[in-house]
Protein backbone atom coordinates (compact mmCIF):
# COMPACT_ATOMS: atom_id res chain seq x y z
CA MET A 1 29.49 178.52 -211.20
CA ILE A 2 28.45 175.55 -209.02
CA ARG A 3 28.85 172.23 -210.83
CA ASP A 4 28.94 169.87 -207.88
CA SER A 5 27.34 170.14 -204.45
CA LEU A 6 26.09 167.98 -201.60
CA ASN A 7 23.57 168.79 -198.89
CA ILE A 8 23.82 167.30 -195.41
CA THR A 9 20.83 167.79 -193.07
CA ILE A 10 20.82 167.03 -189.34
CA ASN A 11 17.40 166.76 -187.71
CA GLY A 12 16.04 166.37 -184.20
CA GLU A 13 14.31 168.18 -181.38
CA ALA A 14 15.41 171.61 -180.16
CA GLY A 15 17.82 171.03 -177.27
CA ASP A 16 19.05 167.75 -178.76
CA GLY A 17 22.34 169.20 -179.93
CA VAL A 18 21.40 169.49 -183.59
CA LEU A 19 22.62 173.06 -183.97
CA SER A 20 25.85 172.39 -182.04
CA ALA A 21 26.63 169.35 -184.17
CA GLY A 22 25.88 171.38 -187.28
CA GLU A 23 28.28 174.12 -186.21
CA ILE A 24 31.09 171.59 -185.74
CA LEU A 25 30.41 169.90 -189.08
CA CYS A 26 30.43 173.32 -190.75
CA ASP A 27 33.88 173.96 -189.38
CA VAL A 28 35.05 170.50 -190.48
CA PHE A 29 34.00 171.21 -194.06
CA PHE A 30 35.58 174.64 -193.94
CA GLU A 31 38.83 173.11 -192.66
CA ALA A 32 38.65 170.68 -195.59
CA GLY A 33 38.57 173.64 -197.98
CA VAL A 34 35.14 173.32 -199.60
CA TRP A 35 32.74 176.17 -200.22
CA LEU A 36 29.68 176.04 -198.04
CA CYS A 37 26.56 177.76 -196.81
CA THR A 38 24.10 176.74 -194.12
CA TYR A 39 20.38 176.88 -193.64
CA LYS A 40 18.99 176.64 -190.11
CA ASN A 41 15.34 175.84 -189.53
CA PHE A 42 14.51 175.83 -185.85
CA PRO A 43 11.54 176.66 -183.60
CA SER A 44 11.31 179.67 -181.30
CA ARG A 45 11.61 177.61 -178.13
CA ILE A 46 14.44 176.26 -176.01
CA ARG A 47 13.42 172.58 -175.99
CA GLY A 48 11.07 170.56 -178.20
CA GLY A 49 9.90 171.23 -181.71
CA HIS A 50 11.60 170.11 -184.90
CA THR A 51 15.04 171.54 -185.64
CA SER A 52 17.15 171.04 -188.74
CA TYR A 53 20.59 172.24 -189.73
CA SER A 54 21.46 171.91 -193.42
CA ILE A 55 25.00 172.34 -194.70
CA ARG A 56 25.49 172.69 -198.41
CA ILE A 57 29.04 172.03 -199.58
CA ALA A 58 30.04 172.91 -203.14
CA ASP A 59 32.91 173.27 -205.58
CA ASP A 60 32.30 177.01 -205.93
CA PHE A 61 30.99 180.00 -204.01
CA CYS A 62 27.41 179.22 -202.88
CA LEU A 63 24.84 181.59 -201.44
CA SER A 64 21.57 179.67 -201.51
CA ARG A 65 20.13 176.69 -199.70
CA ALA A 66 19.76 173.34 -201.42
CA GLU A 67 16.28 171.98 -202.03
CA LYS A 68 17.23 168.29 -201.98
CA THR A 69 19.17 166.35 -199.35
CA ASP A 70 22.00 163.91 -200.06
CA ILE A 71 22.66 162.82 -196.46
CA LEU A 72 19.81 162.89 -193.93
CA LEU A 73 20.74 162.38 -190.28
CA ALA A 74 17.51 161.74 -188.35
CA PHE A 75 17.32 161.88 -184.57
CA ASP A 76 13.52 161.67 -184.38
CA GLU A 77 10.50 160.63 -186.45
CA ASP A 78 9.62 164.26 -187.25
CA ALA A 79 12.74 164.33 -189.42
CA PHE A 80 11.02 162.02 -191.90
CA LEU A 81 7.78 163.98 -191.84
CA ALA A 82 9.65 167.22 -192.53
CA HIS A 83 12.31 166.05 -194.96
CA ASN A 84 11.19 162.85 -196.72
CA ASN A 85 10.17 164.89 -199.75
CA GLU A 86 13.69 166.31 -199.99
CA LEU A 87 15.35 162.94 -200.51
CA LYS A 88 16.47 161.98 -204.00
CA SER A 89 17.86 159.00 -205.80
CA GLY A 90 21.18 158.03 -204.22
CA SER A 91 20.52 159.73 -200.88
CA ILE A 92 21.79 158.16 -197.65
CA VAL A 93 19.60 158.21 -194.52
CA ILE A 94 21.09 157.57 -191.08
CA TYR A 95 18.66 157.08 -188.21
CA ASP A 96 18.68 155.86 -184.62
CA PRO A 97 16.21 152.95 -184.20
CA ALA A 98 15.84 153.63 -180.47
CA LYS A 99 14.02 156.88 -181.25
CA ILE A 100 12.54 156.12 -184.66
CA LYS A 101 10.10 153.24 -184.86
CA ASN A 102 7.86 154.20 -187.76
CA ILE A 103 9.31 155.34 -191.04
CA ILE A 104 8.08 155.05 -194.57
CA LYS A 105 11.01 154.09 -196.76
CA SER A 106 11.10 155.20 -200.38
CA ASP A 107 12.65 151.98 -201.67
CA ASN A 108 11.90 152.70 -205.33
CA MET A 109 14.03 155.85 -205.33
CA GLY A 110 17.41 154.25 -204.74
CA ILE A 111 17.71 155.67 -201.22
CA THR A 112 19.92 153.79 -198.76
CA TYR A 113 18.76 153.57 -195.11
CA TYR A 114 21.18 152.71 -192.30
CA GLU A 115 20.13 152.03 -188.71
CA ILE A 116 22.86 153.21 -186.35
CA PRO A 117 22.14 153.13 -182.59
CA LEU A 118 23.87 156.43 -181.88
CA ALA A 119 22.54 156.96 -178.34
CA ASP A 120 23.02 153.31 -177.41
CA LEU A 121 26.60 153.27 -178.71
CA SER A 122 27.36 156.39 -176.70
CA THR A 123 25.86 154.99 -173.50
CA LYS A 124 27.59 151.61 -173.81
CA ASN A 125 31.02 153.05 -174.54
CA PHE A 126 31.02 156.30 -172.55
CA ALA A 127 28.28 155.81 -169.93
CA LYS A 128 26.27 158.73 -171.36
CA ALA A 129 24.18 159.37 -174.46
CA LEU A 130 25.88 162.78 -174.58
CA TYR A 131 28.41 161.75 -177.22
CA LYS A 132 25.95 160.55 -179.87
CA ASN A 133 26.54 163.71 -181.92
CA SER A 134 30.28 163.08 -182.11
CA ILE A 135 29.56 159.49 -183.19
CA MET A 136 27.28 160.93 -185.86
CA ILE A 137 30.06 163.27 -187.02
CA GLY A 138 32.25 160.20 -187.35
CA VAL A 139 29.61 158.56 -189.54
CA VAL A 140 29.52 161.61 -191.83
CA ALA A 141 33.32 161.64 -191.96
CA ALA A 142 33.27 157.98 -193.00
CA ILE A 143 30.65 158.54 -195.70
CA LEU A 144 32.60 161.43 -197.21
CA GLU A 145 36.08 160.06 -196.35
CA ILE A 146 37.10 163.22 -194.53
CA ASP A 147 40.65 163.35 -193.18
CA SER A 148 40.67 163.01 -189.37
CA LYS A 149 42.96 166.05 -189.07
CA HIS A 150 40.02 168.27 -190.00
CA ILE A 151 37.87 166.68 -187.29
CA GLN A 152 40.62 167.09 -184.74
CA SER A 153 41.11 170.75 -185.61
CA SER A 154 37.39 171.48 -185.25
CA PHE A 155 37.07 169.53 -181.99
CA ILE A 156 39.98 171.52 -180.56
CA LYS A 157 38.14 174.78 -181.32
CA TYR A 158 34.63 173.72 -180.33
CA ILE A 159 35.22 171.19 -177.55
CA LYS A 160 38.71 171.42 -176.09
CA ALA A 161 38.65 175.21 -175.88
CA LYS A 162 35.30 175.18 -174.06
CA LYS A 163 35.27 171.92 -172.06
CA GLY A 164 38.89 170.91 -171.62
CA GLU A 165 41.28 168.15 -172.59
CA GLU A 166 39.31 165.23 -171.15
CA ALA A 167 36.11 166.14 -173.03
CA PHE A 168 38.17 166.54 -176.20
CA LYS A 169 39.66 163.04 -175.85
CA ILE A 170 36.29 161.38 -175.25
CA ASN A 171 34.69 163.15 -178.20
CA MET A 172 37.55 162.13 -180.46
CA GLN A 173 37.02 158.53 -179.32
CA ALA A 174 33.30 158.88 -180.06
CA TYR A 175 34.11 160.25 -183.52
CA ASP A 176 36.42 157.30 -184.21
CA LEU A 177 33.71 154.91 -183.01
CA GLY A 178 31.33 156.41 -185.58
CA VAL A 179 33.88 156.01 -188.36
CA GLN A 180 34.61 152.37 -187.49
CA TYR A 181 30.96 151.43 -187.03
CA TYR A 182 30.03 152.80 -190.46
CA LYS A 183 33.01 151.23 -192.21
CA ASN A 184 33.23 147.86 -190.48
CA VAL A 185 29.87 147.04 -188.90
CA ILE A 186 27.38 148.20 -191.52
CA ASN A 187 29.86 148.45 -194.41
CA GLY A 188 28.17 151.64 -195.58
CA LYS A 189 28.64 153.19 -198.99
CA ASN A 190 30.62 156.38 -199.67
CA MET A 191 29.93 159.69 -201.36
CA LYS A 192 32.50 161.93 -202.98
CA MET A 193 33.00 165.40 -201.56
CA PRO A 194 32.97 168.32 -204.01
CA ALA A 195 36.44 169.45 -205.03
CA CYS A 196 38.23 171.79 -202.66
CA GLY A 197 37.74 175.31 -203.91
CA PHE A 198 39.67 177.87 -201.89
CA ASN A 199 42.89 178.77 -200.17
CA LYS A 200 43.64 180.06 -196.68
CA ASP A 201 42.50 183.62 -197.44
CA MET A 202 38.97 182.64 -196.42
CA MET A 203 36.65 182.73 -193.48
CA MET A 204 33.28 181.29 -192.47
CA ILE A 205 30.88 183.88 -191.12
CA SER A 206 27.21 184.68 -190.57
CA GLY A 207 25.37 187.78 -191.74
CA ASN A 208 24.96 189.03 -188.17
CA ASP A 209 28.67 188.70 -187.43
CA SER A 210 29.44 190.46 -190.72
CA CYS A 211 27.30 193.38 -189.58
CA VAL A 212 29.24 193.50 -186.31
CA ILE A 213 32.59 193.70 -188.10
CA GLY A 214 31.20 196.34 -190.46
CA ALA A 215 29.88 198.41 -187.57
CA LEU A 216 33.15 198.35 -185.65
CA ALA A 217 35.21 199.02 -188.78
CA GLY A 218 32.81 201.85 -189.64
CA GLY A 219 33.49 203.59 -186.33
CA CYS A 220 30.39 202.60 -184.36
CA ARG A 221 31.08 203.08 -180.66
CA PHE A 222 27.58 202.86 -179.19
CA ILE A 223 24.82 200.32 -179.55
CA ALA A 224 21.53 200.17 -177.69
CA ALA A 225 19.20 197.27 -178.37
CA TYR A 226 16.70 194.86 -176.97
CA PRO A 227 17.26 191.15 -177.72
CA ILE A 228 15.06 189.94 -180.59
CA SER A 229 15.36 187.12 -183.13
CA PRO A 230 16.95 187.00 -185.62
CA ALA A 231 19.10 190.04 -184.75
CA THR A 232 20.15 189.13 -181.19
CA GLU A 233 23.61 187.87 -182.18
CA ILE A 234 24.54 191.36 -183.38
CA PHE A 235 23.85 192.85 -179.97
CA GLU A 236 25.46 189.95 -178.09
CA ALA A 237 28.68 190.24 -180.08
CA MET A 238 28.76 194.02 -179.73
CA CYS A 239 28.33 193.68 -175.95
CA SER A 240 31.49 191.55 -175.87
CA LEU A 241 33.53 193.65 -178.30
CA MET A 242 32.55 197.24 -177.55
CA PRO A 243 34.76 197.59 -174.43
CA GLU A 244 37.80 196.56 -176.49
CA PHE A 245 37.07 199.43 -178.88
CA GLY A 246 36.38 202.01 -176.19
CA GLY A 247 32.66 201.89 -176.89
CA THR A 248 29.45 201.23 -174.97
CA ALA A 249 26.68 198.66 -175.34
CA LEU A 250 23.36 199.23 -173.58
CA GLN A 251 20.59 196.68 -173.22
CA ALA A 252 17.47 198.83 -173.07
CA GLU A 253 14.12 197.90 -171.55
CA ASP A 254 12.49 197.97 -174.98
CA GLU A 255 13.09 199.06 -178.57
CA ILE A 256 11.69 202.55 -177.95
CA ALA A 257 14.29 203.20 -175.27
CA ALA A 258 17.00 201.57 -177.38
CA VAL A 259 16.54 203.78 -180.43
CA CYS A 260 16.15 206.92 -178.30
CA ALA A 261 19.43 206.09 -176.53
CA ALA A 262 21.12 205.65 -179.92
CA ILE A 263 19.76 209.04 -181.04
CA GLY A 264 21.13 210.57 -177.84
CA ALA A 265 24.55 209.08 -178.49
CA GLY A 266 24.42 210.34 -182.09
CA PHE A 267 23.54 213.82 -180.88
CA GLY A 268 26.61 213.62 -178.64
CA GLY A 269 28.84 212.92 -181.63
CA THR A 270 29.21 209.15 -181.33
CA ARG A 271 28.51 206.85 -184.23
CA ALA A 272 25.53 204.93 -182.84
CA MET A 273 23.20 202.14 -183.88
CA SER A 274 20.47 199.75 -182.84
CA SER A 275 19.73 196.23 -184.10
CA THR A 276 16.27 194.75 -184.23
CA SER A 277 13.62 192.96 -186.29
CA GLY A 278 10.12 193.80 -187.52
CA PRO A 279 8.34 194.11 -184.16
CA GLY A 280 11.15 196.33 -182.91
CA ILE A 281 11.04 198.56 -185.98
CA SER A 282 7.31 198.99 -185.34
CA LEU A 283 8.06 200.33 -181.87
CA MET A 284 10.85 202.55 -183.16
CA ALA A 285 8.68 204.33 -185.73
CA GLU A 286 8.10 207.56 -183.79
CA ALA A 287 11.75 207.89 -182.76
CA ILE A 288 12.87 207.35 -186.35
CA GLY A 289 10.87 210.51 -187.06
CA LEU A 290 12.74 212.25 -184.24
CA SER A 291 16.06 211.36 -185.87
CA GLY A 292 14.82 212.72 -189.20
CA CYS A 293 13.38 215.94 -187.76
CA SER A 294 16.29 216.71 -185.44
CA GLU A 295 18.75 215.66 -188.16
CA VAL A 296 20.70 213.38 -185.85
CA PRO A 297 22.59 210.47 -187.50
CA LEU A 298 21.19 207.03 -186.69
CA VAL A 299 21.82 203.50 -188.02
CA ILE A 300 19.34 200.66 -187.53
CA ILE A 301 19.84 197.08 -188.70
CA ASP A 302 16.58 195.24 -189.32
CA ALA A 303 17.02 191.45 -189.59
CA GLN A 304 13.63 190.59 -191.06
CA ARG A 305 11.39 187.74 -189.96
CA PRO A 306 7.78 186.86 -190.81
CA GLY A 307 4.99 188.87 -189.22
CA PRO A 308 2.50 190.09 -188.31
CA SER A 309 2.85 190.50 -184.55
CA THR A 310 5.20 187.84 -183.14
CA GLY A 311 4.82 185.89 -186.38
CA LEU A 312 7.57 183.33 -186.94
CA PRO A 313 10.55 184.64 -184.93
CA THR A 314 13.11 182.15 -186.26
CA LYS A 315 12.09 182.03 -189.93
CA THR A 316 12.82 184.33 -192.86
CA GLU A 317 10.84 186.86 -194.88
CA GLN A 318 11.11 190.20 -196.68
CA GLY A 319 7.99 191.70 -195.18
CA ASP A 320 9.41 194.92 -193.69
CA ILE A 321 10.04 196.76 -196.96
CA ASN A 322 6.93 198.91 -196.81
CA HIS A 323 7.39 199.60 -193.13
CA VAL A 324 10.97 200.85 -193.29
CA ILE A 325 10.19 202.97 -196.37
CA PHE A 326 7.14 204.65 -194.83
CA CYS A 327 7.29 204.25 -191.02
CA SER A 328 6.98 207.36 -188.87
CA HIS A 329 4.36 210.03 -189.43
CA GLY A 330 5.09 213.09 -191.52
CA ASP A 331 7.75 213.58 -194.15
CA ILE A 332 11.30 212.77 -193.14
CA PRO A 333 14.37 211.87 -195.15
CA ARG A 334 15.69 208.36 -194.63
CA ILE A 335 17.95 205.94 -196.43
CA VAL A 336 17.10 202.25 -196.80
CA ILE A 337 19.68 199.77 -198.08
CA SER A 338 19.38 196.00 -198.47
CA ALA A 339 22.20 193.47 -198.04
CA GLY A 340 22.11 190.33 -200.17
CA ASN A 341 24.95 188.34 -198.61
CA VAL A 342 27.52 188.42 -195.82
CA ARG A 343 30.01 190.57 -197.73
CA GLU A 344 27.36 193.19 -198.38
CA SER A 345 26.29 192.92 -194.74
CA PHE A 346 29.81 193.99 -193.80
CA GLU A 347 30.30 196.68 -196.44
CA PHE A 348 26.81 198.19 -196.24
CA THR A 349 26.91 198.36 -192.44
CA ALA A 350 30.23 200.21 -192.47
CA ASN A 351 29.01 202.65 -195.11
CA ALA A 352 25.67 203.15 -193.35
CA PHE A 353 27.48 205.21 -190.72
CA ASN A 354 29.00 207.44 -193.40
CA LEU A 355 25.60 207.92 -195.01
CA ALA A 356 23.99 208.68 -191.65
CA GLU A 357 26.55 211.36 -190.79
CA ILE A 358 26.84 212.86 -194.25
CA CYS A 359 23.06 213.15 -194.70
CA GLN A 360 22.25 213.57 -190.99
CA CYS A 361 19.29 211.22 -191.08
CA PRO A 362 18.28 207.66 -190.16
CA VAL A 363 19.77 204.85 -192.25
CA ILE A 364 18.08 201.45 -192.11
CA LEU A 365 19.93 198.36 -193.31
CA LEU A 366 17.68 195.44 -194.22
CA SER A 367 18.95 191.94 -193.60
CA GLU A 368 16.86 188.78 -193.19
CA GLN A 369 17.03 185.61 -191.13
CA SER A 370 18.32 183.54 -194.06
CA ILE A 371 21.42 185.76 -194.15
CA ALA A 372 21.61 186.89 -190.54
CA GLN A 373 21.77 183.53 -188.77
CA ASN A 374 23.41 181.37 -191.42
CA LYS A 375 27.06 180.87 -192.26
CA PHE A 376 28.84 181.23 -195.57
CA ALA A 377 32.41 180.64 -196.72
CA VAL A 378 33.76 183.89 -198.18
CA LYS A 379 37.03 185.66 -198.84
CA LYS A 380 38.21 187.67 -195.86
CA PHE A 381 36.97 191.24 -195.67
CA ASP A 382 39.40 194.00 -196.55
CA LEU A 383 39.15 196.38 -193.60
CA SER A 384 41.64 198.79 -195.18
CA LYS A 385 39.01 199.82 -197.75
CA ILE A 386 36.61 201.15 -195.11
CA GLU A 387 36.56 204.94 -194.97
CA ILE A 388 35.26 207.23 -192.23
CA ASP A 389 33.46 210.32 -193.55
CA ARG A 390 31.83 212.51 -190.91
CA GLY A 391 30.20 214.88 -193.35
CA LYS A 392 29.65 218.47 -192.25
CA LEU A 393 30.71 217.94 -188.64
CA LEU A 394 32.58 221.15 -187.81
CA SER A 395 35.74 221.43 -185.77
CA GLU A 396 36.00 223.95 -182.97
CA GLU A 397 38.38 226.01 -185.11
CA GLU A 398 35.75 226.23 -187.84
CA LEU A 399 33.05 227.18 -185.36
CA LEU A 400 35.22 229.97 -183.90
CA ALA A 401 36.46 231.31 -187.23
CA PRO A 402 36.21 235.12 -187.40
CA GLY A 403 32.86 236.23 -188.74
CA TYR A 404 31.30 232.77 -188.73
CA LYS A 405 27.89 232.42 -187.08
CA PHE A 406 26.82 228.84 -186.57
CA ALA A 407 23.23 227.92 -187.42
CA ARG A 408 22.58 224.23 -186.79
CA TYR A 409 19.76 223.99 -189.33
CA GLU A 410 21.11 226.45 -191.87
CA PHE A 411 19.41 226.37 -195.26
CA THR A 412 21.85 224.95 -197.79
CA ASN A 413 21.70 223.94 -201.43
CA ASP A 414 21.95 220.21 -200.66
CA GLY A 415 19.70 220.36 -197.60
CA ILE A 416 22.52 219.29 -195.28
CA SER A 417 23.41 221.80 -192.58
CA PRO A 418 26.66 222.21 -190.66
CA ARG A 419 26.74 220.15 -187.48
CA ALA A 420 28.26 220.60 -184.04
CA ILE A 421 28.20 218.43 -180.95
CA PRO A 422 27.78 219.33 -177.27
CA SER A 423 30.76 220.98 -175.52
CA GLN A 424 32.15 222.56 -178.70
CA LYS A 425 32.67 226.29 -178.28
CA GLY A 426 30.68 228.23 -180.80
CA GLY A 427 28.38 225.30 -181.46
CA VAL A 428 25.52 226.04 -179.06
CA HIS A 429 22.13 225.19 -180.54
CA LEU A 430 18.74 223.72 -179.75
CA CYS A 431 17.74 220.23 -180.88
CA ASN A 432 14.23 218.87 -180.59
CA GLY A 433 11.39 217.13 -182.38
CA ASN A 434 9.32 220.23 -182.92
CA GLU A 435 9.47 222.15 -186.14
CA HIS A 436 12.19 224.77 -185.85
CA GLU A 437 14.04 227.59 -187.49
CA GLU A 438 17.75 227.63 -188.45
CA SER A 439 18.89 228.08 -184.83
CA GLY A 440 16.77 225.19 -183.61
CA ARG A 441 14.21 227.39 -181.90
CA ILE A 442 10.63 226.15 -182.21
CA THR A 443 8.51 227.82 -184.87
CA GLU A 444 5.01 227.45 -186.29
CA ASP A 445 5.58 229.94 -189.08
CA PRO A 446 4.00 228.43 -192.26
CA GLU A 447 6.69 229.77 -194.58
CA LEU A 448 9.52 228.49 -192.40
CA ARG A 449 7.76 225.17 -191.97
CA THR A 450 7.55 224.69 -195.72
CA LYS A 451 11.11 225.80 -196.26
CA MET A 452 12.50 223.55 -193.52
CA THR A 453 10.60 220.49 -194.77
CA ASP A 454 11.92 221.11 -198.29
CA LYS A 455 15.43 221.47 -196.90
CA ARG A 456 15.31 218.14 -195.11
CA MET A 457 13.87 216.25 -198.05
CA LYS A 458 16.67 217.48 -200.33
CA LYS A 459 18.87 214.99 -198.50
CA ILE A 460 17.37 212.17 -200.56
CA ASP A 461 19.00 213.65 -203.66
CA ALA A 462 22.24 214.21 -201.74
CA ALA A 463 22.25 210.54 -200.73
CA ARG A 464 21.59 209.52 -204.32
CA VAL A 465 24.98 210.86 -205.48
CA SER A 466 26.96 209.66 -202.46
CA LYS A 467 29.66 207.12 -203.21
CA TYR A 468 28.60 205.27 -200.07
CA LEU A 469 25.12 204.48 -201.38
CA PRO A 470 25.33 201.02 -202.99
CA ALA A 471 24.48 200.93 -206.68
CA PRO A 472 22.31 198.22 -208.27
CA LYS A 473 24.15 195.05 -209.25
CA TYR A 474 23.61 193.05 -212.43
CA PHE A 475 24.38 189.51 -213.50
CA GLY A 476 23.28 187.18 -216.26
CA ASP A 477 22.98 187.47 -220.04
CA GLU A 478 22.93 190.98 -221.50
CA ASN A 479 20.98 189.72 -224.52
CA ALA A 480 18.34 187.93 -222.47
CA LYS A 481 14.67 188.10 -223.32
CA TYR A 482 13.52 188.29 -219.71
CA GLY A 483 14.63 190.29 -216.70
CA ILE A 484 14.55 189.54 -212.98
CA ILE A 485 14.53 192.05 -210.12
CA VAL A 486 15.43 190.95 -206.60
CA THR A 487 16.75 192.28 -203.34
CA GLY A 488 18.43 190.65 -200.35
CA TYR A 489 19.04 186.90 -200.10
CA ASN A 490 17.21 186.25 -203.36
CA SER A 491 20.09 187.78 -205.31
CA GLY A 492 22.27 184.72 -204.65
CA VAL A 493 19.38 182.35 -205.31
CA ALA A 494 18.55 184.06 -208.63
CA ALA A 495 22.20 183.99 -209.70
CA GLU A 496 22.34 180.21 -209.29
CA ALA A 497 18.89 179.74 -210.83
CA ILE A 498 19.73 181.51 -214.08
CA ASP A 499 22.93 179.46 -214.39
CA LYS A 500 20.86 176.29 -214.03
CA ILE A 501 18.32 177.46 -216.62
CA LYS A 502 20.95 178.47 -219.15
CA THR A 503 22.74 175.14 -218.75
CA SER A 504 19.70 172.85 -218.82
CA LYS A 505 17.01 174.75 -220.74
CA GLY A 506 18.95 177.09 -222.99
CA CYS A 507 16.97 180.13 -221.78
CA SER A 508 18.72 183.24 -220.53
CA TYR A 509 17.87 185.94 -218.02
CA LYS A 510 19.39 189.15 -216.73
CA VAL A 511 19.11 189.96 -213.02
CA MET A 512 19.02 193.37 -211.36
CA GLN A 513 19.72 193.35 -207.62
CA LEU A 514 18.35 196.39 -205.82
CA THR A 515 20.76 197.30 -203.04
CA ALA A 516 19.30 200.73 -202.23
CA LEU A 517 15.53 200.96 -201.86
CA LEU A 518 15.48 204.60 -200.76
CA PRO A 519 16.53 206.67 -202.56
CA PHE A 520 15.17 204.38 -205.25
CA PRO A 521 17.34 204.00 -208.38
CA ASP A 522 14.65 205.31 -210.76
CA LYS A 523 16.80 205.79 -213.85
CA GLU A 524 18.61 202.47 -213.57
CA ALA A 525 15.41 200.53 -212.95
CA LEU A 526 13.60 202.22 -215.85
CA GLU A 527 16.47 201.48 -218.21
CA PHE A 528 16.55 197.85 -217.07
CA ILE A 529 12.79 197.30 -217.38
CA LYS A 530 12.70 198.84 -220.88
CA LYS A 531 15.09 196.20 -222.20
CA TYR A 532 13.01 193.10 -221.54
CA ASP A 533 9.64 191.69 -222.57
CA LYS A 534 8.79 190.63 -219.06
CA ILE A 535 10.25 191.34 -215.62
CA PHE A 536 9.96 188.81 -212.80
CA VAL A 537 10.09 190.30 -209.29
CA ILE A 538 11.07 187.60 -206.80
CA GLU A 539 10.38 188.31 -203.13
CA ASN A 540 9.44 186.71 -199.82
CA ASN A 541 6.15 188.31 -198.78
CA LYS A 542 2.46 188.03 -199.59
CA SER A 543 1.76 191.62 -200.68
CA ALA A 544 4.50 191.97 -203.34
CA GLN A 545 6.10 194.88 -201.49
CA LEU A 546 9.19 195.16 -203.70
CA SER A 547 7.01 195.10 -206.81
CA GLY A 548 4.82 197.80 -205.26
CA LEU A 549 7.86 199.97 -204.60
CA ILE A 550 8.97 199.61 -208.23
CA LYS A 551 5.47 200.54 -209.44
CA MET A 552 5.61 203.75 -207.41
CA HIS A 553 8.61 204.90 -209.42
CA ILE A 554 8.46 203.24 -212.85
CA PRO A 555 5.77 203.86 -215.50
CA LEU A 556 6.40 200.53 -217.27
CA HIS A 557 5.21 198.48 -214.34
CA ASP A 558 2.72 196.52 -216.47
CA LYS A 559 5.69 194.31 -217.40
CA LEU A 560 6.11 193.12 -213.81
CA VAL A 561 5.24 189.55 -212.80
CA SER A 562 5.51 188.68 -209.11
CA ILE A 563 6.98 185.41 -207.84
CA LEU A 564 6.14 185.23 -204.14
CA LYS A 565 6.92 182.92 -201.23
CA TYR A 566 5.87 183.62 -197.63
CA ASP A 567 5.93 180.32 -195.74
CA GLY A 568 8.96 181.28 -193.65
CA ILE A 569 11.39 179.24 -195.79
CA ALA A 570 13.80 180.87 -198.21
CA PHE A 571 13.65 180.23 -201.94
CA SER A 572 15.96 177.60 -203.39
CA ALA A 573 17.44 177.94 -206.87
CA ASP A 574 15.43 174.92 -208.04
CA GLU A 575 12.19 176.58 -206.91
CA ILE A 576 13.05 179.71 -208.87
CA VAL A 577 13.83 177.62 -211.95
CA ARG A 578 10.41 175.93 -211.77
CA LYS A 579 8.56 179.20 -211.20
CA LEU A 580 10.28 180.90 -214.12
CA MET A 581 9.70 177.97 -216.46
CA GLU A 582 5.99 177.95 -215.53
CA ALA A 583 5.65 181.68 -216.12
CA VAL A 584 7.19 182.03 -219.60
């Protein structure tokens, strides 16, 4: 449970080094041993437009952004327009007077404002304004009294390794200049860092990088994708790592080609995937149907962002739920799972490949920008727990067994047929997107059509009992009066919110996190909803898509109350607390 946390927010224009400085500060805090999570808010352009990088440091595991800011580092006037309402009593504001002429100070709130000529100090001491960010890092280190060894360690990783010894020395000098200026020139006040909370068995990682590790650990050896925010980092990392694992990465001309290439690789026996976001999933819809009809394993990671159309490419939302559940014409089996944090991003990605091969159908993993592109301090993943289960993929010995006659789309009790891959003796078959008989030959026979459709759809029940399908998760008070249902990033936000409510208001809630959306956990959801007077469904979209999905399956849906947010910014725990208190 979080008892103490601070939020540091760096603000400026895109291209001004805000994100780079934020990355280094993140590493500094991680080196210092405090729990942390980040929240990036940046425009979909290379230069210009307001950018902010918030780092929340805490005394315990944290998964949600902070609503208020303790230290605001402002590089332009837009920082005050965007974040003035986030300041609170006791906050410290650092700003560069060369760039910021007009600010409205909230003097009655106990906020301390310090003018520090960051760019001017850099130019006077190092002949370039380039080092203003390192001076700023020194200021933060002085405020929080961070040991210089942590700064040095981070600068070695982020500066020396990339730009060499000379750049490292100058940046360390700039850092020290920031420390001395804050301490000796303006005699600034200090803040206390939250207590260190973890040992060396930790790492700092984003949701996208967690998916990459999960994919490689899960045996993925082919990825085809087209760059798209906020999923691009998955593809970029896989391009670098695939050769080391004997795999292939293909940048396709569009998402249609990407998913078709992944289906081709899956047909050839390789564990294959694509990564994308909402616009890409829209283009992939027909090919997802091809995967379902031809019963070829396929994994797609959808890092959600706000739509429609181009929407807000660098913001967060949960607006793809309906699309991934229903996309593609006709009836096909598919599995949809939803990761709520970086650990689940790793585990669910690895297991998605097992589910895809066992059930021989498309598996879509939902992430979202608030997880995908932000960093979190977590315990290291245990790769030894990842299993590889290839389902009913037959060996050549099985195919050539005396008396055995292979039928690729054989009717079976669980709807899952034996599978062979090209070049295997005894495994010759046809594979296409037309309706077909057991051999794969095209058919328009009504009876066979009905029978084959029924066979494929049985896979939903087969997936339901698979150990690789994530079960719902629960947290909170078992004797609570009210229930909450969430999926994705909101699971961590809700967990913190109900702790805050129980501590400050005395009310208690029980939370159900839906980790699998298809097959939907009907029995578990019904049992949960029955227990409570009212169920709050918290989600980031306008049309209450998660609530709509629950209503499709549960007869007690009149208990549901939607709490919605769709401005591109993730919920904070404080927002959830206010919404819940207003609604009861």
